[in-house]
Amino acid sequence: MTEQQRLELEAAAFRHLVQHLRSRPDVQNIDLMNLSGFCRNCLSKWYKAAADEQGVDIDMEQAREVVYGMPYAEWKAQHQKEASTEQLAAFTKGQQP
């Protein structure tokens, strides 16, 4: 496999992951964090960091829009639910060393 092929495969996998997350707004970020240790916001931060490394001028809101498919505030208003006591407890437990 060439370096270009590897990059193209990784990019395709990223696009598929983003599309999958966009198609599942019912899956809350806190659930993703509790189960996998990352969420849509993490993915947005990694996208922004990669842009910074490449010298591409993109702000955090633009990075979030790439992942969420819409402005973050709009996604939150449409899809984000208040975290339950159980979700918050699991999140807190997962953050402890």
PDB file of N, CA and C in Angstrom:
ATOM      1  N   MET A   1       0.845  -1.169   0.000  1.00  0.00           N
ATOM      2  CA  MET A   1       0.000   0.000   0.000  1.00  0.00           C
ATOM      3  C   MET A   1       0.895   1.239   0.000  1.00  0.00           C
ATOM      4  N   THR A   2       0.538   2.177  -0.841  1.00  0.00           N
ATOM      5  CA  THR A   2       1.302   3.417  -0.885  1.00  0.00           C
ATOM      6  C   THR A   2       0.826   4.362   0.225  1.00  0.00           C
ATOM      7  N   GLU A   3       1.620   5.364   0.505  1.00  0.00           N
ATOM      8  CA  GLU A   3       1.247   6.371   1.498  1.00  0.00           C
ATOM      9  C   GLU A   3      -0.043   7.072   1.079  1.00  0.00           C
ATOM     10  N   GLN A   4      -0.175   7.386  -0.198  1.00  0.00           N
ATOM     11  CA  GLN A   4      -1.384   8.047  -0.693  1.00  0.00           C
ATOM     12  C   GLN A   4      -2.609   7.151  -0.506  1.00  0.00           C
ATOM     13  N   GLN A   5      -2.475   5.880  -0.779  1.00  0.00           N
ATOM     14  CA  GLN A   5      -3.590   4.953  -0.580  1.00  0.00           C
ATOM     15  C   GLN A   5      -3.985   4.895   0.903  1.00  0.00           C
ATOM     16  N   ARG A   6      -2.990   4.844   1.776  1.00  0.00           N
ATOM     17  CA  ARG A   6      -3.263   4.816   3.211  1.00  0.00           C
ATOM     18  C   ARG A   6      -4.027   6.067   3.634  1.00  0.00           C
ATOM     19  N   LEU A   7      -3.575   7.228   3.164  1.00  0.00           N
ATOM     20  CA  LEU A   7      -4.260   8.480   3.496  1.00  0.00           C
ATOM     21  C   LEU A   7      -5.698   8.493   2.982  1.00  0.00           C
ATOM     22  N   GLU A   8      -5.891   8.002   1.783  1.00  0.00           N
ATOM     23  CA  GLU A   8      -7.234   7.978   1.205  1.00  0.00           C
ATOM     24  C   GLU A   8      -8.152   7.026   1.960  1.00  0.00           C
ATOM     25  N   LEU A   9      -7.621   5.887   2.384  1.00  0.00           N
ATOM     26  CA  LEU A   9      -8.415   4.942   3.173  1.00  0.00           C
ATOM     27  C   LEU A   9      -8.771   5.531   4.537  1.00  0.00           C
ATOM     28  N   GLU A  10      -7.806   6.171   5.169  1.00  0.00           N
ATOM     29  CA  GLU A  10      -8.066   6.801   6.461  1.00  0.00           C
ATOM     30  C   GLU A  10      -9.101   7.910   6.326  1.00  0.00           C
ATOM     31  N   ALA A  11      -9.001   8.688   5.279  1.00  0.00           N
ATOM     32  CA  ALA A  11      -9.970   9.767   5.040  1.00  0.00           C
ATOM     33  C   ALA A  11     -11.365   9.189   4.802  1.00  0.00           C
ATOM     34  N   ALA A  12     -11.451   8.107   4.051  1.00  0.00           N
ATOM     35  CA  ALA A  12     -12.739   7.467   3.790  1.00  0.00           C
ATOM     36  C   ALA A  12     -13.339   6.926   5.090  1.00  0.00           C
ATOM     37  N   ALA A  13     -12.515   6.330   5.936  1.00  0.00           N
ATOM     38  CA  ALA A  13     -12.996   5.817   7.220  1.00  0.00           C
ATOM     39  C   ALA A  13     -13.490   6.958   8.100  1.00  0.00           C
ATOM     40  N   PHE A  14     -12.768   8.070   8.112  1.00  0.00           N
ATOM     41  CA  PHE A  14     -13.182   9.243   8.881  1.00  0.00           C
ATOM     42  C   PHE A  14     -14.538   9.743   8.381  1.00  0.00           C
ATOM     43  N   ARG A  15     -14.686   9.872   7.061  1.00  0.00           N
ATOM     44  CA  ARG A  15     -15.960  10.352   6.504  1.00  0.00           C
ATOM     45  C   ARG A  15     -17.098   9.412   6.875  1.00  0.00           C
ATOM     46  N   HIS A  16     -16.835   8.112   6.854  1.00  0.00           N
ATOM     47  CA  HIS A  16     -17.861   7.137   7.214  1.00  0.00           C
ATOM     48  C   HIS A  16     -18.238   7.266   8.694  1.00  0.00           C
ATOM     49  N   LEU A  17     -17.252   7.429   9.560  1.00  0.00           N
ATOM     50  CA  LEU A  17     -17.517   7.615  10.989  1.00  0.00           C
ATOM     51  C   LEU A  17     -18.353   8.869  11.222  1.00  0.00           C
ATOM     52  N   VAL A  18     -17.979   9.963  10.595  1.00  0.00           N
ATOM     53  CA  VAL A  18     -18.720  11.215  10.758  1.00  0.00           C
ATOM     54  C   VAL A  18     -20.154  11.043  10.265  1.00  0.00           C
ATOM     55  N   GLN A  19     -20.331  10.414   9.118  1.00  0.00           N
ATOM     56  CA  GLN A  19     -21.682  10.200   8.585  1.00  0.00           C
ATOM     57  C   GLN A  19     -22.499   9.309   9.519  1.00  0.00           C
ATOM     58  N   HIS A  20     -21.859   8.296  10.070  1.00  0.00           N
ATOM     59  CA  HIS A  20     -22.549   7.418  11.011  1.00  0.00           C
ATOM     60  C   HIS A  20     -22.996   8.198  12.248  1.00  0.00           C
ATOM     61  N   LEU A  21     -22.117   9.013  12.810  1.00  0.00           N
ATOM     62  CA  LEU A  21     -22.480   9.806  13.978  1.00  0.00           C
ATOM     63  C   LEU A  21     -23.590  10.800  13.658  1.00  0.00           C
ATOM     64  N   ARG A  22     -23.558  11.381  12.476  1.00  0.00           N
ATOM     65  CA  ARG A  22     -24.624  12.307  12.073  1.00  0.00           C
ATOM     66  C   ARG A  22     -25.956  11.584  11.960  1.00  0.00           C
ATOM     67  N   SER A  23     -25.928  10.326  11.539  1.00  0.00           N
ATOM     68  CA  SER A  23     -27.172   9.568  11.363  1.00  0.00           C
ATOM     69  C   SER A  23     -27.724   9.048  12.689  1.00  0.00           C
ATOM     70  N   ARG A  24     -26.957   9.199  13.770  1.00  0.00           N
ATOM     71  CA  ARG A  24     -27.377   8.696  15.081  1.00  0.00           C
ATOM     72  C   ARG A  24     -27.391   9.803  16.132  1.00  0.00           C
ATOM     73  N   PRO A  25     -28.183  10.867  15.916  1.00  0.00           N
ATOM     74  CA  PRO A  25     -28.233  11.931  16.914  1.00  0.00           C
ATOM     75  C   PRO A  25     -28.855  11.462  18.231  1.00  0.00           C
ATOM     76  N   ASP A  26     -29.505  10.301  18.198  1.00  0.00           N
ATOM     77  CA  ASP A  26     -30.074   9.746  19.426  1.00  0.00           C
ATOM     78  C   ASP A  26     -28.986   9.277  20.391  1.00  0.00           C
ATOM     79  N   VAL A  27     -27.801   9.003  19.870  1.00  0.00           N
ATOM     80  CA  VAL A  27     -26.689   8.592  20.724  1.00  0.00           C
ATOM     81  C   VAL A  27     -26.059   9.862  21.284  1.00  0.00           C
ATOM     82  N   GLN A  28     -26.165  10.020  22.576  1.00  0.00           N
ATOM     83  CA  GLN A  28     -25.688  11.224  23.233  1.00  0.00           C
ATOM     84  C   GLN A  28     -24.164  11.174  23.410  1.00  0.00           C
ATOM     85  N   ASN A  29     -23.553  12.348  23.411  1.00  0.00           N
ATOM     86  CA  ASN A  29     -22.108  12.435  23.598  1.00  0.00           C
ATOM     87  C   ASN A  29     -21.661  11.802  24.915  1.00  0.00           C
ATOM     88  N   ILE A  30     -22.440  11.978  25.968  1.00  0.00           N
ATOM     89  CA  ILE A  30     -22.042  11.404  27.249  1.00  0.00           C
ATOM     90  C   ILE A  30     -22.022   9.883  27.175  1.00  0.00           C
ATOM     91  N   ASP A  31     -22.938   9.303  26.397  1.00  0.00           N
ATOM     92  CA  ASP A  31     -22.933   7.847  26.211  1.00  0.00           C
ATOM     93  C   ASP A  31     -21.682   7.409  25.463  1.00  0.00           C
ATOM     94  N   LEU A  32     -21.330   8.165  24.423  1.00  0.00           N
ATOM     95  CA  LEU A  32     -20.099   7.866  23.684  1.00  0.00           C
ATOM     96  C   LEU A  32     -18.886   7.950  24.608  1.00  0.00           C
ATOM     97  N   MET A  33     -18.826   8.995  25.422  1.00  0.00           N
ATOM     98  CA  MET A  33     -17.704   9.160  26.349  1.00  0.00           C
ATOM     99  C   MET A  33     -17.644   8.011  27.350  1.00  0.00           C
ATOM    100  N   ASN A  34     -18.799   7.633  27.883  1.00  0.00           N
ATOM    101  CA  ASN A  34     -18.829   6.575  28.880  1.00  0.00           C
ATOM    102  C   ASN A  34     -18.434   5.219  28.297  1.00  0.00           C
ATOM    103  N   LEU A  35     -18.785   4.978  27.051  1.00  0.00           N
ATOM    104  CA  LEU A  35     -18.495   3.679  26.443  1.00  0.00           C
ATOM    105  C   LEU A  35     -17.147   3.615  25.739  1.00  0.00           C
ATOM    106  N   SER A  36     -16.747   4.722  25.119  1.00  0.00           N
ATOM    107  CA  SER A  36     -15.549   4.661  24.269  1.00  0.00           C
ATOM    108  C   SER A  36     -14.435   5.616  24.681  1.00  0.00           C
ATOM    109  N   GLY A  37     -14.749   6.567  25.543  1.00  0.00           N
ATOM    110  CA  GLY A  37     -13.733   7.527  25.960  1.00  0.00           C
ATOM    111  C   GLY A  37     -13.549   8.685  24.996  1.00  0.00           C
ATOM    112  N   PHE A  38     -14.404   8.786  23.985  1.00  0.00           N
ATOM    113  CA  PHE A  38     -14.378   9.946  23.087  1.00  0.00           C
ATOM    114  C   PHE A  38     -15.792  10.208  22.592  1.00  0.00           C
ATOM    115  N   CYS A  39     -16.010  11.430  22.094  1.00  0.00           N
ATOM    116  CA  CYS A  39     -17.326  11.803  21.582  1.00  0.00           C
ATOM    117  C   CYS A  39     -17.167  12.699  20.352  1.00  0.00           C
ATOM    118  N   ARG A  40     -18.255  13.243  19.903  1.00  0.00           N
ATOM    119  CA  ARG A  40     -18.222  14.130  18.739  1.00  0.00           C
ATOM    120  C   ARG A  40     -17.338  15.346  18.997  1.00  0.00           C
ATOM    121  N   ASN A  41     -17.384  15.876  20.215  1.00  0.00           N
ATOM    122  CA  ASN A  41     -16.547  17.036  20.532  1.00  0.00           C
ATOM    123  C   ASN A  41     -15.067  16.679  20.471  1.00  0.00           C
ATOM    124  N   CYS A  42     -14.711  15.502  20.952  1.00  0.00           N
ATOM    125  CA  CYS A  42     -13.315  15.047  20.866  1.00  0.00           C
ATOM    126  C   CYS A  42     -12.887  14.964  19.407  1.00  0.00           C
ATOM    127  N   LEU A  43     -13.737  14.368  18.581  1.00  0.00           N
ATOM    128  CA  LEU A  43     -13.424  14.238  17.159  1.00  0.00           C
ATOM    129  C   LEU A  43     -13.240  15.615  16.524  1.00  0.00           C
ATOM    130  N   SER A  44     -14.068  16.571  16.928  1.00  0.00           N
ATOM    131  CA  SER A  44     -13.937  17.945  16.432  1.00  0.00           C
ATOM    132  C   SER A  44     -12.603  18.554  16.853  1.00  0.00           C
ATOM    133  N   LYS A  45     -12.208  18.316  18.104  1.00  0.00           N
ATOM    134  CA  LYS A  45     -10.926  18.833  18.600  1.00  0.00           C
ATOM    135  C   LYS A  45      -9.762  18.209  17.844  1.00  0.00           C
ATOM    136  N   TRP A  46      -9.848  16.918  17.554  1.00  0.00           N
ATOM    137  CA  TRP A  46      -8.775  16.248  16.803  1.00  0.00           C
ATOM    138  C   TRP A  46      -8.703  16.796  15.375  1.00  0.00           C
ATOM    139  N   TYR A  47      -9.858  17.088  14.795  1.00  0.00           N
ATOM    140  CA  TYR A  47      -9.906  17.665  13.445  1.00  0.00           C
ATOM    141  C   TYR A  47      -9.242  19.040  13.445  1.00  0.00           C
ATOM    142  N   LYS A  48      -9.583  19.840  14.451  1.00  0.00           N
ATOM    143  CA  LYS A  48      -8.972  21.178  14.575  1.00  0.00           C
ATOM    144  C   LYS A  48      -7.472  21.069  14.783  1.00  0.00           C
ATOM    145  N   ALA A  49      -7.025  20.161  15.623  1.00  0.00           N
ATOM    146  CA  ALA A  49      -5.594  19.981  15.869  1.00  0.00           C
ATOM    147  C   ALA A  49      -4.873  19.574  14.586  1.00  0.00           C
ATOM    148  N   ALA A  50      -5.488  18.696  13.793  1.00  0.00           N
ATOM    149  CA  ALA A  50      -4.884  18.290  12.528  1.00  0.00           C
ATOM    150  C   ALA A  50      -4.796  19.478  11.574  1.00  0.00           C
ATOM    151  N   ALA A  51      -5.832  20.304  11.556  1.00  0.00           N
ATOM    152  CA  ALA A  51      -5.806  21.508  10.709  1.00  0.00           C
ATOM    153  C   ALA A  51      -4.689  22.440  11.156  1.00  0.00           C
ATOM    154  N   ASP A  52      -4.559  22.619  12.460  1.00  0.00           N
ATOM    155  CA  ASP A  52      -3.494  23.477  13.001  1.00  0.00           C
ATOM    156  C   ASP A  52      -2.119  22.953  12.585  1.00  0.00           C
ATOM    157  N   GLU A  53      -1.929  21.642  12.681  1.00  0.00           N
ATOM    158  CA  GLU A  53      -0.644  21.037  12.298  1.00  0.00           C
ATOM    159  C   GLU A  53      -0.323  21.273  10.823  1.00  0.00           C
ATOM    160  N   GLN A  54      -1.361  21.331  10.003  1.00  0.00           N
ATOM    161  CA  GLN A  54      -1.173  21.535   8.566  1.00  0.00           C
ATOM    162  C   GLN A  54      -1.177  23.013   8.179  1.00  0.00           C
ATOM    163  N   GLY A  55      -1.391  23.879   9.166  1.00  0.00           N
ATOM    164  CA  GLY A  55      -1.431  25.309   8.877  1.00  0.00           C
ATOM    165  C   GLY A  55      -2.725  25.746   8.216  1.00  0.00           C
ATOM    166  N   VAL A  56      -3.783  24.959   8.378  1.00  0.00           N
ATOM    167  CA  VAL A  56      -5.087  25.283   7.800  1.00  0.00           C
ATOM    168  C   VAL A  56      -5.862  26.099   8.831  1.00  0.00           C
ATOM    169  N   ASP A  57      -6.347  27.266   8.421  1.00  0.00           N
ATOM    170  CA  ASP A  57      -7.056  28.174   9.320  1.00  0.00           C
ATOM    171  C   ASP A  57      -8.503  27.732   9.474  1.00  0.00           C
ATOM    172  N   ILE A  58      -8.798  27.116  10.609  1.00  0.00           N
ATOM    173  CA  ILE A  58     -10.157  26.679  10.919  1.00  0.00           C
ATOM    174  C   ILE A  58     -10.352  26.876  12.419  1.00  0.00           C
ATOM    175  N   ASP A  59     -11.521  27.390  12.800  1.00  0.00           N
ATOM    176  CA  ASP A  59     -11.767  27.559  14.229  1.00  0.00           C
ATOM    177  C   ASP A  59     -12.578  26.375  14.753  1.00  0.00           C
ATOM    178  N   MET A  60     -12.766  26.347  16.057  1.00  0.00           N
ATOM    179  CA  MET A  60     -13.425  25.209  16.686  1.00  0.00           C
ATOM    180  C   MET A  60     -14.863  25.055  16.214  1.00  0.00           C
ATOM    181  N   GLU A  61     -15.549  26.153  16.009  1.00  0.00           N
ATOM    182  CA  GLU A  61     -16.939  26.062  15.528  1.00  0.00           C
ATOM    183  C   GLU A  61     -17.002  25.443  14.136  1.00  0.00           C
ATOM    184  N   GLN A  62     -16.054  25.791  13.280  1.00  0.00           N
ATOM    185  CA  GLN A  62     -16.009  25.190  11.947  1.00  0.00           C
ATOM    186  C   GLN A  62     -15.693  23.702  12.038  1.00  0.00           C
ATOM    187  N   ALA A  63     -14.794  23.332  12.916  1.00  0.00           N
ATOM    188  CA  ALA A  63     -14.459  21.922  13.107  1.00  0.00           C
ATOM    189  C   ALA A  63     -15.670  21.146  13.618  1.00  0.00           C
ATOM    190  N   ARG A  64     -16.396  21.736  14.547  1.00  0.00           N
ATOM    191  CA  ARG A  64     -17.604  21.073  15.050  1.00  0.00           C
ATOM    192  C   ARG A  64     -18.634  20.900  13.951  1.00  0.00           C
ATOM    193  N   GLU A  65     -18.768  21.903  13.093  1.00  0.00           N
ATOM    194  CA  GLU A  65     -19.752  21.805  12.014  1.00  0.00           C
ATOM    195  C   GLU A  65     -19.395  20.678  11.042  1.00  0.00           C
ATOM    196  N   VAL A  66     -18.105  20.430  10.838  1.00  0.00           N
ATOM    197  CA  VAL A  66     -17.679  19.309   9.998  1.00  0.00           C
ATOM    198  C   VAL A  66     -18.184  17.997  10.601  1.00  0.00           C
ATOM    199  N   VAL A  67     -18.061  17.855  11.906  1.00  0.00           N
ATOM    200  CA  VAL A  67     -18.451  16.617  12.577  1.00  0.00           C
ATOM    201  C   VAL A  67     -19.964  16.525  12.766  1.00  0.00           C
ATOM    202  N   TYR A  68     -20.578  17.590  13.237  1.00  0.00           N
ATOM    203  CA  TYR A  68     -22.007  17.562  13.542  1.00  0.00           C
ATOM    204  C   TYR A  68     -22.895  17.735  12.310  1.00  0.00           C
ATOM    205  N   GLY A  69     -22.360  18.311  11.237  1.00  0.00           N
ATOM    206  CA  GLY A  69     -23.160  18.531  10.036  1.00  0.00           C
ATOM    207  C   GLY A  69     -24.047  19.759  10.115  1.00  0.00           C
ATOM    208  N   MET A  70     -23.873  20.534  11.152  1.00  0.00           N
ATOM    209  CA  MET A  70     -24.642  21.768  11.364  1.00  0.00           C
ATOM    210  C   MET A  70     -23.946  22.533  12.480  1.00  0.00           C
ATOM    211  N   PRO A  71     -24.297  23.792  12.682  1.00  0.00           N
ATOM    212  CA  PRO A  71     -23.701  24.516  13.808  1.00  0.00           C
ATOM    213  C   PRO A  71     -23.964  23.767  15.118  1.00  0.00           C
ATOM    214  N   TYR A  72     -22.954  23.755  15.983  1.00  0.00           N
ATOM    215  CA  TYR A  72     -23.029  23.009  17.237  1.00  0.00           C
ATOM    216  C   TYR A  72     -24.215  23.432  18.084  1.00  0.00           C
ATOM    217  N   ALA A  73     -24.473  24.721  18.187  1.00  0.00           N
ATOM    218  CA  ALA A  73     -25.597  25.212  18.995  1.00  0.00           C
ATOM    219  C   ALA A  73     -26.921  24.671  18.462  1.00  0.00           C
ATOM    220  N   GLU A  74     -27.044  24.584  17.150  1.00  0.00           N
ATOM    221  CA  GLU A  74     -28.255  24.051  16.537  1.00  0.00           C
ATOM    222  C   GLU A  74     -28.406  22.561  16.862  1.00  0.00           C
ATOM    223  N   TRP A  75     -27.299  21.800  16.762  1.00  0.00           N
ATOM    224  CA  TRP A  75     -27.347  20.373  17.075  1.00  0.00           C
ATOM    225  C   TRP A  75     -27.770  20.168  18.530  1.00  0.00           C
ATOM    226  N   LYS A  76     -27.155  20.943  19.440  1.00  0.00           N
ATOM    227  CA  LYS A  76     -27.490  20.816  20.853  1.00  0.00           C
ATOM    228  C   LYS A  76     -28.973  21.091  21.089  1.00  0.00           C
ATOM    229  N   ALA A  77     -29.494  22.146  20.470  1.00  0.00           N
ATOM    230  CA  ALA A  77     -30.897  22.508  20.656  1.00  0.00           C
ATOM    231  C   ALA A  77     -31.833  21.413  20.127  1.00  0.00           C
ATOM    232  N   GLN A  78     -31.441  20.773  19.038  1.00  0.00           N
ATOM    233  CA  GLN A  78     -32.299  19.759  18.422  1.00  0.00           C
ATOM    234  C   GLN A  78     -32.160  18.375  19.043  1.00  0.00           C
ATOM    235  N   HIS A  79     -30.947  18.032  19.496  1.00  0.00           N
ATOM    236  CA  HIS A  79     -30.692  16.631  19.841  1.00  0.00           C
ATOM    237  C   HIS A  79     -30.181  16.350  21.247  1.00  0.00           C
ATOM    238  N   GLN A  80     -29.539  17.301  21.883  1.00  0.00           N
ATOM    239  CA  GLN A  80     -28.918  16.997  23.167  1.00  0.00           C
ATOM    240  C   GLN A  80     -29.946  16.986  24.285  1.00  0.00           C
ATOM    241  N   LYS A  81     -29.908  15.905  25.062  1.00  0.00           N
ATOM    242  CA  LYS A  81     -30.793  15.773  26.207  1.00  0.00           C
ATOM    243  C   LYS A  81     -29.982  15.998  27.478  1.00  0.00           C
ATOM    244  N   GLU A  82     -30.673  16.318  28.541  1.00  0.00           N
ATOM    245  CA  GLU A  82     -29.995  16.474  29.824  1.00  0.00           C
ATOM    246  C   GLU A  82     -29.497  15.107  30.276  1.00  0.00           C
ATOM    247  N   ALA A  83     -28.274  15.071  30.749  1.00  0.00           N
ATOM    248  CA  ALA A  83     -27.685  13.813  31.202  1.00  0.00           C
ATOM    249  C   ALA A  83     -28.388  13.332  32.469  1.00  0.00           C
ATOM    250  N   SER A  84     -28.590  12.028  32.526  1.00  0.00           N
ATOM    251  CA  SER A  84     -29.214  11.440  33.706  1.00  0.00           C
ATOM    252  C   SER A  84     -28.195  11.337  34.839  1.00  0.00           C
ATOM    253  N   THR A  85     -28.697  11.087  36.012  1.00  0.00           N
ATOM    254  CA  THR A  85     -27.825  10.894  37.168  1.00  0.00           C
ATOM    255  C   THR A  85     -26.878   9.724  36.922  1.00  0.00           C
ATOM    256  N   GLU A  86     -27.390   8.660  36.323  1.00  0.00           N
ATOM    257  CA  GLU A  86     -26.575   7.480  36.040  1.00  0.00           C
ATOM    258  C   GLU A  86     -25.480   7.792  35.015  1.00  0.00           C
ATOM    259  N   GLN A  87     -25.822   8.532  33.975  1.00  0.00           N
ATOM    260  CA  GLN A  87     -24.833   8.914  32.967  1.00  0.00           C
ATOM    261  C   GLN A  87     -23.734   9.770  33.590  1.00  0.00           C
ATOM    262  N   LEU A  88     -24.123  10.729  34.397  1.00  0.00           N
ATOM    263  CA  LEU A  88     -23.135  11.615  35.040  1.00  0.00           C
ATOM    264  C   LEU A  88     -22.247  10.830  35.996  1.00  0.00           C
ATOM    265  N   ALA A  89     -22.826   9.894  36.739  1.00  0.00           N
ATOM    266  CA  ALA A  89     -22.034   9.079  37.662  1.00  0.00           C
ATOM    267  C   ALA A  89     -21.028   8.232  36.890  1.00  0.00           C
ATOM    268  N   ALA A  90     -21.445   7.628  35.790  1.00  0.00           N
ATOM    269  CA  ALA A  90     -20.542   6.815  34.972  1.00  0.00           C
ATOM    270  C   ALA A  90     -19.437   7.677  34.379  1.00  0.00           C
ATOM    271  N   PHE A  91     -19.786   8.894  33.956  1.00  0.00           N
ATOM    272  CA  PHE A  91     -18.792   9.807  33.397  1.00  0.00           C
ATOM    273  C   PHE A  91     -17.759  10.192  34.449  1.00  0.00           C
ATOM    274  N   THR A  92     -18.244  10.540  35.629  1.00  0.00           N
ATOM    275  CA  THR A  92     -17.348  10.925  36.725  1.00  0.00           C
ATOM    276  C   THR A  92     -16.430   9.756  37.098  1.00  0.00           C
ATOM    277  N   LYS A  93     -16.985   8.576  37.172  1.00  0.00           N
ATOM    278  CA  LYS A  93     -16.196   7.390  37.504  1.00  0.00           C
ATOM    279  C   LYS A  93     -15.123   7.139  36.433  1.00  0.00           C
ATOM    280  N   GLY A  94     -15.474   7.339  35.186  1.00  0.00           N
ATOM    281  CA  GLY A  94     -14.537   7.137  34.087  1.00  0.00           C
ATOM    282  C   GLY A  94     -13.434   8.162  34.033  1.00  0.00           C
ATOM    283  N   GLN A  95     -13.626   9.313  34.650  1.00  0.00           N
ATOM    284  CA  GLN A  95     -12.620  10.370  34.640  1.00  0.00           C
ATOM    285  C   GLN A  95     -11.586  10.213  35.744  1.00  0.00           C
ATOM    286  N   GLN A  96     -11.871   9.327  36.693  1.00  0.00           N
ATOM    287  CA  GLN A  96     -10.942   9.132  37.814  1.00  0.00           C
ATOM    288  C   GLN A  96      -9.813   8.191  37.400  1.00  0.00           C
ATOM    289  N   PRO A  97      -8.580   8.501  37.849  1.00  0.00           N
ATOM    290  CA  PRO A  97      -7.445   7.634  37.489  1.00  0.00           C
ATOM    291  C   PRO A  97      -7.484   6.279  38.170  1.00  0.00           C
TER     292      PRO A  97
END
